[in-house]
Amino acid sequence: MAESTAVAINGVDDQTTEDFFDPDQDGSNNKVTELTKKLESLELENKEMKVTIKKLTIEIEGSEEDKRILESVAARAEELEIEVSRLQHDLVTSMSEGDELGAEVAELKRVLGEKGVKLEELEREVDGLKKEKVESEKKVRELERNVGLLEVREMEEKSKRVRVEEEMREKLDEKDREISGFKKKVDDLESELGNCKSEKNSAEQTVKEMEERILLWQKEIEEAEKVIAGLKDKTLDGVNGTARAVKLNGDGEEEDSRLNWQLPLAAVTAAAVVCVCYARCR
C-alpha cells in the first residue's frame, strides 16, 4: 500500500488517500489476480492435457476408440486454448483497465493532495478566524463594559443636571419673588415719590406764598421801621413835653401818653420776631 495522508477538518480525521480509493482498486486487483490464477490453472490443465494426449497417442495408436478419445481430448484442448486466449485477452484488458484506474487513482491522489493542501490552508484560516472571533468577543465585552460605564455616567450626569435644574428653578422662583417684592417696593416708592412730589409742589406753593408774605412783611417792616423812626422822633418830642403834660393834666394823663408811643413799638418788635423765626425755619 502507498503512504497514507491524513486530512483533518475541525479536529476530525478524514480517510487517507488510498483508503478513499481502496474499494475500486482492490476490486480491480482481485479481478486481475483471479484471472491470473484461473489462467495459470488452465495453462497447467492444458499442459497436463497435452501430456495426456501424448501418452494416449502413444498408448492407443491404431485404436478407433482411442482415436475418438484422442479427438475428444484434442477438442477439449482447443477449447482450453480458446479459453486461455480469452482469459489472456481479459487479463490484458483488466491490466489495461487497472493501468487506467491507476492513472485515475494517481490523478485523484494528486487532486486529493491539492485538496488536502487547501484544507490545511482552510484549517489555518479557520484557526485564524477562531482567534479573531475570540479577540472580537473580547473587544465586544470590553465595549459592552465601556457602554455600561458610559450609561452609568450618563445617568449620574442626568441626575446632577436634574438636581441643578431644580436648584436653578428654586433660585429663579426666589429671584422672581424678590423681583416681585422689589417691584412692589418700586411701586410703593413711586407712589411715595408721587406723594412727595405733590407735597413738594404744595410745599413750594406754600414757600412761594410765604416768600410773598415775607416780602410783604419786609415792606411792612420797612414801613414800620420808618414809622418807628418817626415815632422815635415823636417820642423824643413827647418826652420833652411829658413833664408839661403831667403838670397840666395830673397822673392819669401821664399814663395815657406812655401808652400812645409804647403800643406801636411792641407791634413792630413782634413783626420782626416773626420774620426772624420764619427765616430760621426756612
Foldseek 3Di string as FASTA:
>chain_A
DDDWDWFDDPRDTDGTLCVVVVVVLVVLVVVLVVLVVVLVVLVVVLVVLVVVLVVLCVVQPPPPVSVVVSVVSVVVSVVSVVVSVVSVVVNVVSVVVSVVVVVVSVVSNVVVVVVRVVSVVVRVVVVVVVVVVVVVVVVVVVVVVVVVVVVVVVVVVVVVVVVVVVVVVVVVVVVVVVVVVVVVVVVVVVVVVVVVVVVVVVVVVVVVVVVVVLVVLVVVLVVLVVVLVVLVVVVVVVVVCLVVQCVVPPDVSNVVSVVVSVVSVVVSVVSVVVSVVVVVVD
